[in-house]
Amino acid sequence: MKDPTSVERHSVLFSVKDCGRSLQNCLDTFSRFNLTPTKIETRPSRSDAANCHDVFVDLERGGEDLVKCCEELKSHCLNVQLLGTHGEVQWFP
Protein backbone atom coordinates (compact mmCIF):
# COMPACT_ATOMS: atom_id res chain seq x y z
CA MET A 1 0.00 0.00 0.00
CA LYS A 2 1.31 3.43 -0.90
CA ASP A 3 2.08 5.79 1.95
CA PRO A 4 -0.18 8.87 1.54
CA THR A 5 2.57 11.13 2.92
CA SER A 6 5.15 9.93 0.40
CA VAL A 7 6.01 12.21 -2.50
CA GLU A 8 6.78 11.11 -6.03
CA ARG A 9 9.90 12.67 -7.47
CA HIS A 10 10.49 13.27 -11.16
CA SER A 11 14.05 13.52 -12.48
CA VAL A 12 15.11 15.54 -15.52
CA LEU A 13 18.54 15.80 -17.16
CA PHE A 14 19.42 18.61 -19.54
CA SER A 15 22.64 19.99 -21.01
CA VAL A 16 23.39 23.70 -21.30
CA LYS A 17 26.24 25.70 -22.78
CA ASP A 18 28.39 27.57 -20.31
CA CYS A 19 27.26 31.07 -21.24
CA GLY A 20 25.46 33.91 -19.52
CA ARG A 21 21.95 33.14 -18.26
CA SER A 22 21.70 29.69 -19.86
CA LEU A 23 20.91 27.97 -16.56
CA GLN A 24 18.69 30.84 -15.44
CA ASN A 25 16.63 30.55 -18.65
CA CYS A 26 16.01 26.88 -17.87
CA LEU A 27 15.06 27.57 -14.26
CA ASP A 28 12.70 30.31 -15.44
CA THR A 29 11.00 27.69 -17.62
CA PHE A 30 10.32 25.51 -14.55
CA SER A 31 8.89 28.57 -12.81
CA ARG A 32 6.50 29.35 -15.68
CA PHE A 33 5.01 25.86 -15.30
CA ASN A 34 4.86 26.16 -11.47
CA LEU A 35 7.41 23.36 -11.08
CA THR A 36 9.74 23.77 -8.12
CA PRO A 37 13.06 21.94 -8.19
CA THR A 38 13.86 20.17 -4.93
CA LYS A 39 17.41 19.28 -5.99
CA ILE A 40 19.76 20.65 -8.65
CA GLU A 41 23.17 19.20 -9.53
CA THR A 42 25.50 20.37 -12.28
CA ARG A 43 28.52 18.58 -13.71
CA PRO A 44 30.82 19.17 -16.63
CA SER A 45 29.32 17.35 -19.60
CA ARG A 46 30.88 14.21 -21.00
CA SER A 47 29.60 15.11 -24.46
CA ASP A 48 31.81 16.36 -27.27
CA ALA A 49 30.36 19.87 -27.02
CA ALA A 50 32.84 22.27 -25.47
CA ASN A 51 31.94 24.29 -22.39
CA CYS A 52 28.74 22.39 -21.62
CA HIS A 53 27.28 21.27 -18.31
CA ASP A 54 24.81 18.51 -17.51
CA VAL A 55 22.13 19.58 -15.04
CA PHE A 56 20.17 17.01 -13.02
CA VAL A 57 16.93 18.30 -11.49
CA ASP A 58 14.45 16.58 -9.15
CA LEU A 59 10.87 17.89 -8.97
CA GLU A 60 7.96 16.94 -6.71
CA ARG A 61 5.19 17.61 -9.21
CA GLY A 62 4.94 16.15 -12.70
CA GLY A 63 2.11 15.36 -15.04
CA GLU A 64 1.24 17.23 -18.20
CA ASP A 65 2.99 20.41 -16.99
CA LEU A 66 6.29 18.54 -16.74
CA VAL A 67 5.95 17.18 -20.28
CA LYS A 68 5.19 20.67 -21.63
CA CYS A 69 8.07 22.12 -19.63
CA CYS A 70 10.50 19.57 -21.11
CA GLU A 71 9.31 20.50 -24.60
CA GLU A 72 9.99 24.17 -23.91
CA LEU A 73 13.37 23.38 -22.35
CA LYS A 74 14.48 21.97 -25.70
CA SER A 75 14.62 25.53 -27.05
CA HIS A 76 17.24 26.46 -24.39
CA CYS A 77 19.18 23.20 -24.10
CA LEU A 78 21.34 20.90 -26.17
CA ASN A 79 19.70 17.80 -24.69
CA VAL A 80 16.63 17.15 -22.50
CA GLN A 81 15.73 13.78 -20.98
CA LEU A 82 12.95 12.89 -18.55
CA LEU A 83 14.79 10.26 -16.52
CA GLY A 84 11.80 8.91 -14.67
CA THR A 85 9.63 8.93 -11.59
CA HIS A 86 10.56 7.45 -8.24
CA GLY A 87 9.27 7.51 -4.70
CA GLU A 88 10.99 9.20 -1.81
CA VAL A 89 13.96 7.25 -0.49
CA GLN A 90 13.97 6.82 3.28
CA TRP A 91 17.12 7.76 5.14
CA PHE A 92 18.52 5.16 7.51
CA PRO A 93 21.09 6.13 10.16
C-alpha atoms as a PDB file:
ATOM      1  CA  MET A   1       0.000   0.000   0.000  1.00  0.00           C
ATOM      2  CA  LYS A   2       1.314   3.430  -0.904  1.00  0.00           C
ATOM      3  CA  ASP A   3       2.077   5.793   1.954  1.00  0.00           C
ATOM      4  CA  PRO A   4      -0.177   8.873   1.538  1.00  0.00           C
ATOM      5  CA  THR A   5       2.574  11.128   2.917  1.00  0.00           C
ATOM      6  CA  SER A   6       5.152   9.935   0.399  1.00  0.00           C
ATOM      7  CA  VAL A   7       6.010  12.213  -2.498  1.00  0.00           C
ATOM      8  CA  GLU A   8       6.785  11.109  -6.033  1.00  0.00           C
ATOM      9  CA  ARG A   9       9.899  12.673  -7.472  1.00  0.00           C
ATOM     10  CA  HIS A  10      10.494  13.274 -11.156  1.00  0.00           C
ATOM     11  CA  SER A  11      14.046  13.524 -12.481  1.00  0.00           C
ATOM     12  CA  VAL A  12      15.112  15.540 -15.519  1.00  0.00           C
ATOM     13  CA  LEU A  13      18.536  15.802 -17.158  1.00  0.00           C
ATOM     14  CA  PHE A  14      19.423  18.606 -19.538  1.00  0.00           C
ATOM     15  CA  SER A  15      22.641  19.992 -21.013  1.00  0.00           C
ATOM     16  CA  VAL A  16      23.388  23.696 -21.296  1.00  0.00           C
ATOM     17  CA  LYS A  17      26.237  25.696 -22.780  1.00  0.00           C
ATOM     18  CA  ASP A  18      28.388  27.571 -20.315  1.00  0.00           C
ATOM     19  CA  CYS A  19      27.260  31.067 -21.244  1.00  0.00           C
ATOM     20  CA  GLY A  20      25.457  33.910 -19.520  1.00  0.00           C
ATOM     21  CA  ARG A  21      21.950  33.141 -18.256  1.00  0.00           C
ATOM     22  CA  SER A  22      21.702  29.692 -19.856  1.00  0.00           C
ATOM     23  CA  LEU A  23      20.907  27.967 -16.561  1.00  0.00           C
ATOM     24  CA  GLN A  24      18.687  30.842 -15.437  1.00  0.00           C
ATOM     25  CA  ASN A  25      16.628  30.551 -18.649  1.00  0.00           C
ATOM     26  CA  CYS A  26      16.009  26.880 -17.874  1.00  0.00           C
ATOM     27  CA  LEU A  27      15.064  27.566 -14.260  1.00  0.00           C
ATOM     28  CA  ASP A  28      12.699  30.312 -15.443  1.00  0.00           C
ATOM     29  CA  THR A  29      11.001  27.689 -17.622  1.00  0.00           C
ATOM     30  CA  PHE A  30      10.319  25.509 -14.550  1.00  0.00           C
ATOM     31  CA  SER A  31       8.892  28.571 -12.809  1.00  0.00           C
ATOM     32  CA  ARG A  32       6.500  29.347 -15.677  1.00  0.00           C
ATOM     33  CA  PHE A  33       5.010  25.863 -15.298  1.00  0.00           C
ATOM     34  CA  ASN A  34       4.859  26.161 -11.470  1.00  0.00           C
ATOM     35  CA  LEU A  35       7.406  23.361 -11.081  1.00  0.00           C
ATOM     36  CA  THR A  36       9.743  23.773  -8.123  1.00  0.00           C
ATOM     37  CA  PRO A  37      13.065  21.938  -8.194  1.00  0.00           C
ATOM     38  CA  THR A  38      13.861  20.169  -4.933  1.00  0.00           C
ATOM     39  CA  LYS A  39      17.406  19.283  -5.990  1.00  0.00           C
ATOM     40  CA  ILE A  40      19.761  20.655  -8.648  1.00  0.00           C
ATOM     41  CA  GLU A  41      23.167  19.198  -9.527  1.00  0.00           C
ATOM     42  CA  THR A  42      25.500  20.369 -12.279  1.00  0.00           C
ATOM     43  CA  ARG A  43      28.520  18.585 -13.707  1.00  0.00           C
ATOM     44  CA  PRO A  44      30.820  19.169 -16.633  1.00  0.00           C
ATOM     45  CA  SER A  45      29.322  17.354 -19.599  1.00  0.00           C
ATOM     46  CA  ARG A  46      30.884  14.208 -20.998  1.00  0.00           C
ATOM     47  CA  SER A  47      29.604  15.109 -24.458  1.00  0.00           C
ATOM     48  CA  ASP A  48      31.808  16.363 -27.275  1.00  0.00           C
ATOM     49  CA  ALA A  49      30.357  19.869 -27.023  1.00  0.00           C
ATOM     50  CA  ALA A  50      32.843  22.269 -25.473  1.00  0.00           C
ATOM     51  CA  ASN A  51      31.944  24.289 -22.389  1.00  0.00           C
ATOM     52  CA  CYS A  52      28.740  22.392 -21.623  1.00  0.00           C
ATOM     53  CA  HIS A  53      27.275  21.271 -18.312  1.00  0.00           C
ATOM     54  CA  ASP A  54      24.813  18.506 -17.506  1.00  0.00           C
ATOM     55  CA  VAL A  55      22.130  19.578 -15.044  1.00  0.00           C
ATOM     56  CA  PHE A  56      20.167  17.010 -13.020  1.00  0.00           C
ATOM     57  CA  VAL A  57      16.928  18.304 -11.486  1.00  0.00           C
ATOM     58  CA  ASP A  58      14.447  16.579  -9.150  1.00  0.00           C
ATOM     59  CA  LEU A  59      10.875  17.889  -8.974  1.00  0.00           C
ATOM     60  CA  GLU A  60       7.958  16.942  -6.715  1.00  0.00           C
ATOM     61  CA  ARG A  61       5.187  17.612  -9.211  1.00  0.00           C
ATOM     62  CA  GLY A  62       4.945  16.155 -12.705  1.00  0.00           C
ATOM     63  CA  GLY A  63       2.105  15.357 -15.043  1.00  0.00           C
ATOM     64  CA  GLU A  64       1.236  17.230 -18.204  1.00  0.00           C
ATOM     65  CA  ASP A  65       2.994  20.407 -16.993  1.00  0.00           C
ATOM     66  CA  LEU A  66       6.294  18.540 -16.742  1.00  0.00           C
ATOM     67  CA  VAL A  67       5.949  17.181 -20.278  1.00  0.00           C
ATOM     68  CA  LYS A  68       5.186  20.674 -21.627  1.00  0.00           C
ATOM     69  CA  CYS A  69       8.072  22.121 -19.635  1.00  0.00           C
ATOM     70  CA  CYS A  70      10.503  19.573 -21.112  1.00  0.00           C
ATOM     71  CA  GLU A  71       9.308  20.501 -24.597  1.00  0.00           C
ATOM     72  CA  GLU A  72       9.986  24.165 -23.913  1.00  0.00           C
ATOM     73  CA  LEU A  73      13.373  23.378 -22.347  1.00  0.00           C
ATOM     74  CA  LYS A  74      14.481  21.971 -25.697  1.00  0.00           C
ATOM     75  CA  SER A  75      14.620  25.534 -27.046  1.00  0.00           C
ATOM     76  CA  HIS A  76      17.236  26.460 -24.392  1.00  0.00           C
ATOM     77  CA  CYS A  77      19.179  23.198 -24.098  1.00  0.00           C
ATOM     78  CA  LEU A  78      21.336  20.900 -26.173  1.00  0.00           C
ATOM     79  CA  ASN A  79      19.703  17.799 -24.695  1.00  0.00           C
ATOM     80  CA  VAL A  80      16.627  17.153 -22.498  1.00  0.00           C
ATOM     81  CA  GLN A  81      15.728  13.778 -20.975  1.00  0.00           C
ATOM     82  CA  LEU A  82      12.951  12.895 -18.553  1.00  0.00           C
ATOM     83  CA  LEU A  83      14.793  10.260 -16.521  1.00  0.00           C
ATOM     84  CA  GLY A  84      11.800   8.914 -14.670  1.00  0.00           C
ATOM     85  CA  THR A  85       9.632   8.934 -11.585  1.00  0.00           C
ATOM     86  CA  HIS A  86      10.558   7.453  -8.242  1.00  0.00           C
ATOM     87  CA  GLY A  87       9.269   7.513  -4.703  1.00  0.00           C
ATOM     88  CA  GLU A  88      10.986   9.196  -1.812  1.00  0.00           C
ATOM     89  CA  VAL A  89      13.960   7.254  -0.486  1.00  0.00           C
ATOM     90  CA  GLN A  90      13.966   6.823   3.276  1.00  0.00           C
ATOM     91  CA  TRP A  91      17.123   7.756   5.136  1.00  0.00           C
ATOM     92  CA  PHE A  92      18.524   5.163   7.506  1.00  0.00           C
ATOM     93  CA  PRO A  93      21.093   6.131  10.155  1.00  0.00           C
END
